[in-house]
Amino acid sequence: MDIEADIDTQAVYPNALTLPGRAAFPVLVMPAELKRRSLHTREGHATLIHALAHIEANAINLALDIIWRFPGMPYEFYRDWLGVAKEEACHHELLAQHLESLGYRYGDFPAHNGLWEMAERTSGDLLARLALVPRTLEARGLDVSPGLRDKLRKLGDARGAEILDLILRDEIGHVATGNHWYRYLCAQRQLDPIGAYAELAERYWAPRLRGPFNLVARRAAGFDEAELAALQLE
């Protein structure tokens, strides 16, 4: 990513688990408390766009959190995640603007905090963070984005579908960034990436991933054939 910044790679900041930069809305609830609404209603359509906007808002914080929380990595690590944060902010803005075109604003609906909860659980180990946020939770977006895009097209929401195509393109790069630095740390710690992933997923209670998987997008994001085979054996 074409970003240059003056970054002190050794800086250590006070450790805190508070969520950075989040407004009072949307109200956060447990996933089971979120109401299911038909996509064929305007409110249901807006709820989907709102949920996607919330994912992108979390993704901004996740990219910035990994920059300040984990010192001692190469300069390129911090530059890469700053670029990810910039693109996630663009995604959030596009979705928030689209939501306004439907008559709603970001924060009008409740949301859940699953992405950030995993960030808190992995706050003490960069390898776990890379394994379970970009390579697990964010990679899941590669699997579900095409289906969501097709649903929006069927609703006649060409703009929403266009935004999801753009997000999928960028998210392939974000997951690739996670894969690159995960393998970098595995090599440093002399760990087998597949074995280490299985151990971390169990230790940090990662969600069990179920197909279908977007194998084309996952290959483009840097998952190798052995990883994809292990994924499909879950």
C-alpha atoms as a PDB file:
ATOM      1  CA  MET A   1       0.000   0.000   0.000  1.00  0.00           C
ATOM      2  CA  ASP A   2       1.365   3.401  -0.974  1.00  0.00           C
ATOM      3  CA  ILE A   3       1.582   4.938   2.508  1.00  0.00           C
ATOM      4  CA  GLU A   4       4.608   6.419   4.226  1.00  0.00           C
ATOM      5  CA  ALA A   5       4.543   7.669   7.832  1.00  0.00           C
ATOM      6  CA  ASP A   6       6.936   8.568  10.629  1.00  0.00           C
ATOM      7  CA  ILE A   7       6.472   5.545  12.901  1.00  0.00           C
ATOM      8  CA  ASP A   8       8.431   4.660  16.007  1.00  0.00           C
ATOM      9  CA  THR A   9       8.353   0.874  15.789  1.00  0.00           C
ATOM     10  CA  GLN A  10       9.680   0.451  19.339  1.00  0.00           C
ATOM     11  CA  ALA A  11       7.221   2.773  21.099  1.00  0.00           C
ATOM     12  CA  VAL A  12       5.349   1.181  23.996  1.00  0.00           C
ATOM     13  CA  TYR A  13       2.002   2.671  25.018  1.00  0.00           C
ATOM     14  CA  PRO A  14      -0.013   2.076  28.198  1.00  0.00           C
ATOM     15  CA  ASN A  15      -1.928  -1.157  27.777  1.00  0.00           C
ATOM     16  CA  ALA A  16      -5.704  -0.707  27.758  1.00  0.00           C
ATOM     17  CA  LEU A  17      -8.576  -2.816  26.528  1.00  0.00           C
ATOM     18  CA  THR A  18     -10.981   0.062  25.982  1.00  0.00           C
ATOM     19  CA  LEU A  19     -12.417   0.359  22.513  1.00  0.00           C
ATOM     20  CA  PRO A  20     -10.764   3.294  20.723  1.00  0.00           C
ATOM     21  CA  GLY A  21     -12.718   5.981  18.943  1.00  0.00           C
ATOM     22  CA  ARG A  22     -16.240   4.559  19.294  1.00  0.00           C
ATOM     23  CA  ALA A  23     -19.257   6.848  19.615  1.00  0.00           C
ATOM     24  CA  ALA A  24     -22.186   6.136  21.945  1.00  0.00           C
ATOM     25  CA  PHE A  25     -24.157   4.669  19.043  1.00  0.00           C
ATOM     26  CA  PRO A  26     -24.899   2.109  17.815  1.00  0.00           C
ATOM     27  CA  VAL A  27     -26.023   0.438  21.012  1.00  0.00           C
ATOM     28  CA  LEU A  28     -24.190  -2.870  21.411  1.00  0.00           C
ATOM     29  CA  VAL A  29     -26.171  -6.012  22.263  1.00  0.00           C
ATOM     30  CA  MET A  30     -25.627  -9.746  22.218  1.00  0.00           C
ATOM     31  CA  PRO A  31     -25.972 -11.285  18.730  1.00  0.00           C
ATOM     32  CA  ALA A  32     -29.095 -13.206  19.804  1.00  0.00           C
ATOM     33  CA  GLU A  33     -30.789  -9.903  20.651  1.00  0.00           C
ATOM     34  CA  LEU A  34     -30.560  -8.561  17.111  1.00  0.00           C
ATOM     35  CA  LYS A  35     -33.930  -8.702  15.393  1.00  0.00           C
ATOM     36  CA  ARG A  36     -34.203 -10.470  12.058  1.00  0.00           C
ATOM     37  CA  ARG A  37     -35.886  -8.318   9.448  1.00  0.00           C
ATOM     38  CA  SER A  38     -36.933  -9.236   5.925  1.00  0.00           C
ATOM     39  CA  LEU A  39     -34.617  -7.819   3.273  1.00  0.00           C
ATOM     40  CA  HIS A  40     -37.718  -7.116   1.220  1.00  0.00           C
ATOM     41  CA  THR A  41     -38.652  -4.272   3.548  1.00  0.00           C
ATOM     42  CA  ARG A  42     -36.876  -0.906   3.498  1.00  0.00           C
ATOM     43  CA  GLU A  43     -35.986  -1.283   7.177  1.00  0.00           C
ATOM     44  CA  GLY A  44     -34.617  -4.793   6.652  1.00  0.00           C
ATOM     45  CA  HIS A  45     -32.570  -3.628   3.690  1.00  0.00           C
ATOM     46  CA  ALA A  46     -31.197  -0.747   5.772  1.00  0.00           C
ATOM     47  CA  THR A  47     -30.410  -3.105   8.662  1.00  0.00           C
ATOM     48  CA  LEU A  48     -28.145  -5.174   6.404  1.00  0.00           C
ATOM     49  CA  ILE A  49     -26.272  -2.102   5.183  1.00  0.00           C
ATOM     50  CA  HIS A  50     -25.994  -0.900   8.787  1.00  0.00           C
ATOM     51  CA  ALA A  51     -24.524  -4.247   9.895  1.00  0.00           C
ATOM     52  CA  LEU A  52     -21.934  -4.043   7.123  1.00  0.00           C
ATOM     53  CA  ALA A  53     -21.079  -0.456   8.074  1.00  0.00           C
ATOM     54  CA  HIS A  54     -20.594  -1.596  11.673  1.00  0.00           C
ATOM     55  CA  ILE A  55     -18.202  -4.341  10.585  1.00  0.00           C
ATOM     56  CA  GLU A  56     -16.143  -1.757   8.727  1.00  0.00           C
ATOM     57  CA  ALA A  57     -16.158   0.613  11.722  1.00  0.00           C
ATOM     58  CA  ASN A  58     -14.763  -2.211  13.852  1.00  0.00           C
ATOM     59  CA  ALA A  59     -12.203  -2.999  11.167  1.00  0.00           C
ATOM     60  CA  ILE A  60     -10.800   0.545  11.385  1.00  0.00           C
ATOM     61  CA  ASN A  61     -10.232   0.122  15.107  1.00  0.00           C
ATOM     62  CA  LEU A  62      -8.761  -3.342  14.658  1.00  0.00           C
ATOM     63  CA  ALA A  63      -6.171  -2.103  12.170  1.00  0.00           C
ATOM     64  CA  LEU A  64      -5.224   0.865  14.356  1.00  0.00           C
ATOM     65  CA  ASP A  65      -5.153  -1.258  17.503  1.00  0.00           C
ATOM     66  CA  ILE A  66      -2.639  -3.702  16.038  1.00  0.00           C
ATOM     67  CA  ILE A  67      -0.365  -0.742  15.234  1.00  0.00           C
ATOM     68  CA  TRP A  68      -0.150   0.736  18.746  1.00  0.00           C
ATOM     69  CA  ARG A  69      -0.540  -2.439  20.797  1.00  0.00           C
ATOM     70  CA  PHE A  70       2.332  -4.521  19.435  1.00  0.00           C
ATOM     71  CA  PRO A  71       5.771  -2.847  19.279  1.00  0.00           C
ATOM     72  CA  GLY A  72       8.971  -4.232  17.829  1.00  0.00           C
ATOM     73  CA  MET A  73       7.834  -5.330  14.380  1.00  0.00           C
ATOM     74  CA  PRO A  74       9.435  -4.089  11.140  1.00  0.00           C
ATOM     75  CA  TYR A  75       8.431  -0.664   9.832  1.00  0.00           C
ATOM     76  CA  GLU A  76       6.565  -2.332   6.946  1.00  0.00           C
ATOM     77  CA  PHE A  77       4.204  -4.025   9.406  1.00  0.00           C
ATOM     78  CA  TYR A  78       2.932  -0.693  10.716  1.00  0.00           C
ATOM     79  CA  ARG A  79       2.815   0.852   7.253  1.00  0.00           C
ATOM     80  CA  ASP A  80       0.730  -2.072   5.984  1.00  0.00           C
ATOM     81  CA  TRP A  81      -1.847  -1.844   8.780  1.00  0.00           C
ATOM     82  CA  LEU A  82      -2.079   1.932   8.443  1.00  0.00           C
ATOM     83  CA  GLY A  83      -2.995   1.342   4.803  1.00  0.00           C
ATOM     84  CA  VAL A  84      -5.603  -1.214   5.867  1.00  0.00           C
ATOM     85  CA  ALA A  85      -7.121   1.294   8.318  1.00  0.00           C
ATOM     86  CA  LYS A  86      -7.348   3.906   5.559  1.00  0.00           C
ATOM     87  CA  GLU A  87      -9.219   1.523   3.251  1.00  0.00           C
ATOM     88  CA  GLU A  88     -11.535   0.337   6.036  1.00  0.00           C
ATOM     89  CA  ALA A  89     -12.429   3.976   6.729  1.00  0.00           C
ATOM     90  CA  CYS A  90     -13.292   4.410   3.065  1.00  0.00           C
ATOM     91  CA  HIS A  91     -15.512   1.300   3.182  1.00  0.00           C
ATOM     92  CA  HIS A  92     -17.323   2.561   6.269  1.00  0.00           C
ATOM     93  CA  GLU A  93     -17.931   5.955   4.689  1.00  0.00           C
ATOM     94  CA  LEU A  94     -19.314   4.417   1.495  1.00  0.00           C
ATOM     95  CA  LEU A  95     -21.720   2.218   3.457  1.00  0.00           C
ATOM     96  CA  ALA A  96     -22.748   5.052   5.804  1.00  0.00           C
ATOM     97  CA  GLN A  97     -23.521   7.267   2.819  1.00  0.00           C
ATOM     98  CA  HIS A  98     -25.490   4.474   1.169  1.00  0.00           C
ATOM     99  CA  LEU A  99     -27.423   3.931   4.386  1.00  0.00           C
ATOM    100  CA  GLU A 100     -28.371   7.621   4.388  1.00  0.00           C
ATOM    101  CA  SER A 101     -29.703   7.227   0.851  1.00  0.00           C
ATOM    102  CA  LEU A 102     -32.127   4.664   2.329  1.00  0.00           C
ATOM    103  CA  GLY A 103     -33.311   7.155   4.948  1.00  0.00           C
ATOM    104  CA  TYR A 104     -31.248   5.953   7.933  1.00  0.00           C
ATOM    105  CA  ARG A 105     -27.981   6.824   9.642  1.00  0.00           C
ATOM    106  CA  TYR A 106     -25.208   4.707  11.127  1.00  0.00           C
ATOM    107  CA  GLY A 107     -26.170   4.195  14.764  1.00  0.00           C
ATOM    108  CA  ASP A 108     -29.925   3.925  14.119  1.00  0.00           C
ATOM    109  CA  PHE A 109     -29.899   0.146  14.725  1.00  0.00           C
ATOM    110  CA  PRO A 110     -28.255  -1.939  17.469  1.00  0.00           C
ATOM    111  CA  ALA A 111     -25.155  -3.978  16.639  1.00  0.00           C
ATOM    112  CA  HIS A 112     -22.967  -6.625  18.254  1.00  0.00           C
ATOM    113  CA  ASN A 113     -19.327  -6.475  19.248  1.00  0.00           C
ATOM    114  CA  GLY A 114     -17.982  -9.868  18.173  1.00  0.00           C
ATOM    115  CA  LEU A 115     -14.977  -8.589  16.233  1.00  0.00           C
ATOM    116  CA  TRP A 116     -13.734  -6.425  19.076  1.00  0.00           C
ATOM    117  CA  GLU A 117     -14.261  -9.187  21.643  1.00  0.00           C
ATOM    118  CA  MET A 118     -11.770 -11.328  19.734  1.00  0.00           C
ATOM    119  CA  ALA A 119      -9.366  -8.377  19.670  1.00  0.00           C
ATOM    120  CA  GLU A 120      -9.569  -8.214  23.461  1.00  0.00           C
ATOM    121  CA  ARG A 121      -8.992 -11.943  23.852  1.00  0.00           C
ATOM    122  CA  THR A 122      -5.881 -11.799  21.640  1.00  0.00           C
ATOM    123  CA  SER A 123      -4.499  -8.545  23.055  1.00  0.00           C
ATOM    124  CA  GLY A 124      -1.536 -10.302  24.661  1.00  0.00           C
ATOM    125  CA  ASP A 125      -0.214 -12.209  21.646  1.00  0.00           C
ATOM    126  CA  LEU A 126       0.321 -10.770  18.173  1.00  0.00           C
ATOM    127  CA  LEU A 127       0.451 -14.230  16.601  1.00  0.00           C
ATOM    128  CA  ALA A 128      -3.012 -15.008  17.981  1.00  0.00           C
ATOM    129  CA  ARG A 129      -4.338 -11.654  16.801  1.00  0.00           C
ATOM    130  CA  LEU A 130      -3.101 -12.270  13.254  1.00  0.00           C
ATOM    131  CA  ALA A 131      -4.377 -15.844  13.221  1.00  0.00           C
ATOM    132  CA  LEU A 132      -7.855 -15.135  14.537  1.00  0.00           C
ATOM    133  CA  VAL A 133      -8.809 -11.663  13.337  1.00  0.00           C
ATOM    134  CA  PRO A 134      -7.585 -11.111   9.735  1.00  0.00           C
ATOM    135  CA  ARG A 135      -7.133 -14.825   8.942  1.00  0.00           C
ATOM    136  CA  THR A 136     -10.377 -16.010  10.566  1.00  0.00           C
ATOM    137  CA  LEU A 137     -13.042 -13.378  11.205  1.00  0.00           C
ATOM    138  CA  GLU A 138     -12.124 -11.027   8.377  1.00  0.00           C
ATOM    139  CA  ALA A 139     -11.402 -13.885   5.993  1.00  0.00           C
ATOM    140  CA  ARG A 140     -14.967 -15.028   6.620  1.00  0.00           C
ATOM    141  CA  GLY A 141     -16.025 -11.893   4.784  1.00  0.00           C
ATOM    142  CA  LEU A 142     -14.402 -13.294   1.648  1.00  0.00           C
ATOM    143  CA  ASP A 143     -16.796 -16.241   1.852  1.00  0.00           C
ATOM    144  CA  VAL A 144     -20.026 -14.352   2.491  1.00  0.00           C
ATOM    145  CA  SER A 145     -19.553 -11.180   0.401  1.00  0.00           C
ATOM    146  CA  PRO A 146     -20.538 -12.685  -2.979  1.00  0.00           C
ATOM    147  CA  GLY A 147     -23.829 -14.031  -1.586  1.00  0.00           C
ATOM    148  CA  LEU A 148     -24.667 -10.711   0.072  1.00  0.00           C
ATOM    149  CA  ARG A 149     -23.828  -8.861  -3.122  1.00  0.00           C
ATOM    150  CA  ASP A 150     -26.175 -11.106  -5.098  1.00  0.00           C
ATOM    151  CA  LYS A 151     -28.971 -10.515  -2.577  1.00  0.00           C
ATOM    152  CA  LEU A 152     -28.564  -6.765  -2.969  1.00  0.00           C
ATOM    153  CA  ARG A 153     -28.683  -7.074  -6.735  1.00  0.00           C
ATOM    154  CA  LYS A 154     -31.937  -9.031  -6.492  1.00  0.00           C
ATOM    155  CA  LEU A 155     -33.332  -6.205  -4.365  1.00  0.00           C
ATOM    156  CA  GLY A 156     -32.439  -3.773  -7.126  1.00  0.00           C
ATOM    157  CA  ASP A 157     -29.702  -2.206  -5.020  1.00  0.00           C
ATOM    158  CA  ALA A 158     -27.036  -1.788  -7.689  1.00  0.00           C
ATOM    159  CA  ARG A 159     -25.062   0.715  -5.596  1.00  0.00           C
ATOM    160  CA  GLY A 160     -24.936  -1.581  -2.587  1.00  0.00           C
ATOM    161  CA  ALA A 161     -23.738  -4.452  -4.774  1.00  0.00           C
ATOM    162  CA  GLU A 162     -21.075  -2.199  -6.296  1.00  0.00           C
ATOM    163  CA  ILE A 163     -19.807  -1.229  -2.837  1.00  0.00           C
ATOM    164  CA  LEU A 164     -19.587  -4.881  -1.780  1.00  0.00           C
ATOM    165  CA  ASP A 165     -17.562  -5.702  -4.889  1.00  0.00           C
ATOM    166  CA  LEU A 166     -15.121  -2.926  -4.015  1.00  0.00           C
ATOM    167  CA  ILE A 167     -14.904  -4.110  -0.399  1.00  0.00           C
ATOM    168  CA  LEU A 168     -14.260  -7.714  -1.460  1.00  0.00           C
ATOM    169  CA  ARG A 169     -11.416  -6.570  -3.710  1.00  0.00           C
ATOM    170  CA  ASP A 170      -9.783  -4.622  -0.883  1.00  0.00           C
ATOM    171  CA  GLU A 171     -10.450  -7.262   1.774  1.00  0.00           C
ATOM    172  CA  ILE A 172      -8.505  -9.826  -0.225  1.00  0.00           C
ATOM    173  CA  GLY A 173      -5.521  -7.535   0.258  1.00  0.00           C
ATOM    174  CA  HIS A 174      -6.241  -7.072   3.960  1.00  0.00           C
ATOM    175  CA  VAL A 175      -6.403 -10.815   4.579  1.00  0.00           C
ATOM    176  CA  ALA A 176      -3.215 -11.207   2.525  1.00  0.00           C
ATOM    177  CA  THR A 177      -1.552  -8.725   4.883  1.00  0.00           C
ATOM    178  CA  GLY A 178      -2.652 -10.860   7.827  1.00  0.00           C
ATOM    179  CA  ASN A 179      -1.352 -14.006   6.137  1.00  0.00           C
ATOM    180  CA  HIS A 180       2.020 -12.405   5.357  1.00  0.00           C
ATOM    181  CA  TRP A 181       2.703 -11.257   8.903  1.00  0.00           C
ATOM    182  CA  TYR A 182       1.288 -14.433  10.458  1.00  0.00           C
ATOM    183  CA  ARG A 183       3.781 -16.485   8.471  1.00  0.00           C
ATOM    184  CA  TYR A 184       6.552 -14.027   9.320  1.00  0.00           C
ATOM    185  CA  LEU A 185       5.951 -14.595  13.047  1.00  0.00           C
ATOM    186  CA  CYS A 186       5.559 -18.361  12.628  1.00  0.00           C
ATOM    187  CA  ALA A 187       8.969 -18.434  10.924  1.00  0.00           C
ATOM    188  CA  GLN A 188      10.464 -16.327  13.726  1.00  0.00           C
ATOM    189  CA  ARG A 189       9.037 -18.651  16.386  1.00  0.00           C
ATOM    190  CA  GLN A 190       9.807 -21.789  14.366  1.00  0.00           C
ATOM    191  CA  LEU A 191       6.164 -22.835  14.278  1.00  0.00           C
ATOM    192  CA  ASP A 192       4.227 -24.766  11.663  1.00  0.00           C
ATOM    193  CA  PRO A 193       1.528 -22.314  10.462  1.00  0.00           C
ATOM    194  CA  ILE A 194      -1.210 -24.946  10.218  1.00  0.00           C
ATOM    195  CA  GLY A 195      -0.474 -26.567  13.569  1.00  0.00           C
ATOM    196  CA  ALA A 196      -0.079 -23.195  15.281  1.00  0.00           C
ATOM    197  CA  TYR A 197      -3.396 -22.011  13.866  1.00  0.00           C
ATOM    198  CA  ALA A 198      -5.274 -25.046  15.160  1.00  0.00           C
ATOM    199  CA  GLU A 199      -3.780 -24.585  18.631  1.00  0.00           C
ATOM    200  CA  LEU A 200      -4.563 -20.847  18.728  1.00  0.00           C
ATOM    201  CA  ALA A 201      -8.111 -21.349  17.468  1.00  0.00           C
ATOM    202  CA  GLU A 202      -8.784 -23.766  20.324  1.00  0.00           C
ATOM    203  CA  ARG A 203      -7.063 -21.664  22.996  1.00  0.00           C
ATOM    204  CA  TYR A 204      -8.898 -18.456  22.102  1.00  0.00           C
ATOM    205  CA  TRP A 205     -12.306 -20.012  21.317  1.00  0.00           C
ATOM    206  CA  ALA A 206     -12.368 -19.050  17.668  1.00  0.00           C
ATOM    207  CA  PRO A 207     -15.676 -19.698  15.909  1.00  0.00           C
ATOM    208  CA  ARG A 208     -15.851 -22.925  13.950  1.00  0.00           C
ATOM    209  CA  LEU A 209     -15.792 -22.058  10.265  1.00  0.00           C
ATOM    210  CA  ARG A 210     -18.210 -23.842   7.959  1.00  0.00           C
ATOM    211  CA  GLY A 211     -18.417 -23.812   4.174  1.00  0.00           C
ATOM    212  CA  PRO A 212     -19.032 -22.964   1.514  1.00  0.00           C
ATOM    213  CA  PHE A 213     -15.700 -21.182   1.264  1.00  0.00           C
ATOM    214  CA  ASN A 214     -14.681 -18.695  -1.414  1.00  0.00           C
ATOM    215  CA  LEU A 215     -11.591 -20.641  -2.416  1.00  0.00           C
ATOM    216  CA  VAL A 216     -10.742 -18.299  -5.293  1.00  0.00           C
ATOM    217  CA  ALA A 217     -10.668 -15.265  -2.990  1.00  0.00           C
ATOM    218  CA  ARG A 218      -8.855 -17.166  -0.237  1.00  0.00           C
ATOM    219  CA  ARG A 219      -6.141 -18.257  -2.682  1.00  0.00           C
ATOM    220  CA  ALA A 220      -5.804 -14.671  -3.869  1.00  0.00           C
ATOM    221  CA  ALA A 221      -5.438 -13.646  -0.204  1.00  0.00           C
ATOM    222  CA  GLY A 222      -2.504 -16.006   0.251  1.00  0.00           C
ATOM    223  CA  PHE A 223      -3.961 -19.161   1.769  1.00  0.00           C
ATOM    224  CA  ASP A 224      -2.024 -22.130   0.402  1.00  0.00           C
ATOM    225  CA  GLU A 225      -3.514 -25.437  -0.661  1.00  0.00           C
ATOM    226  CA  ALA A 226      -2.583 -27.206   2.582  1.00  0.00           C
ATOM    227  CA  GLU A 227      -4.401 -24.520   4.601  1.00  0.00           C
ATOM    228  CA  LEU A 228      -7.454 -24.713   2.388  1.00  0.00           C
ATOM    229  CA  ALA A 229      -7.522 -28.494   2.687  1.00  0.00           C
ATOM    230  CA  ALA A 230      -7.302 -28.244   6.494  1.00  0.00           C
ATOM    231  CA  LEU A 231     -10.094 -25.667   6.485  1.00  0.00           C
ATOM    232  CA  GLN A 232     -12.405 -27.956   4.555  1.00  0.00           C
ATOM    233  CA  LEU A 233     -11.734 -30.828   6.954  1.00  0.00           C
ATOM    234  CA  GLU A 234     -13.028 -28.822   9.954  1.00  0.00           C
END
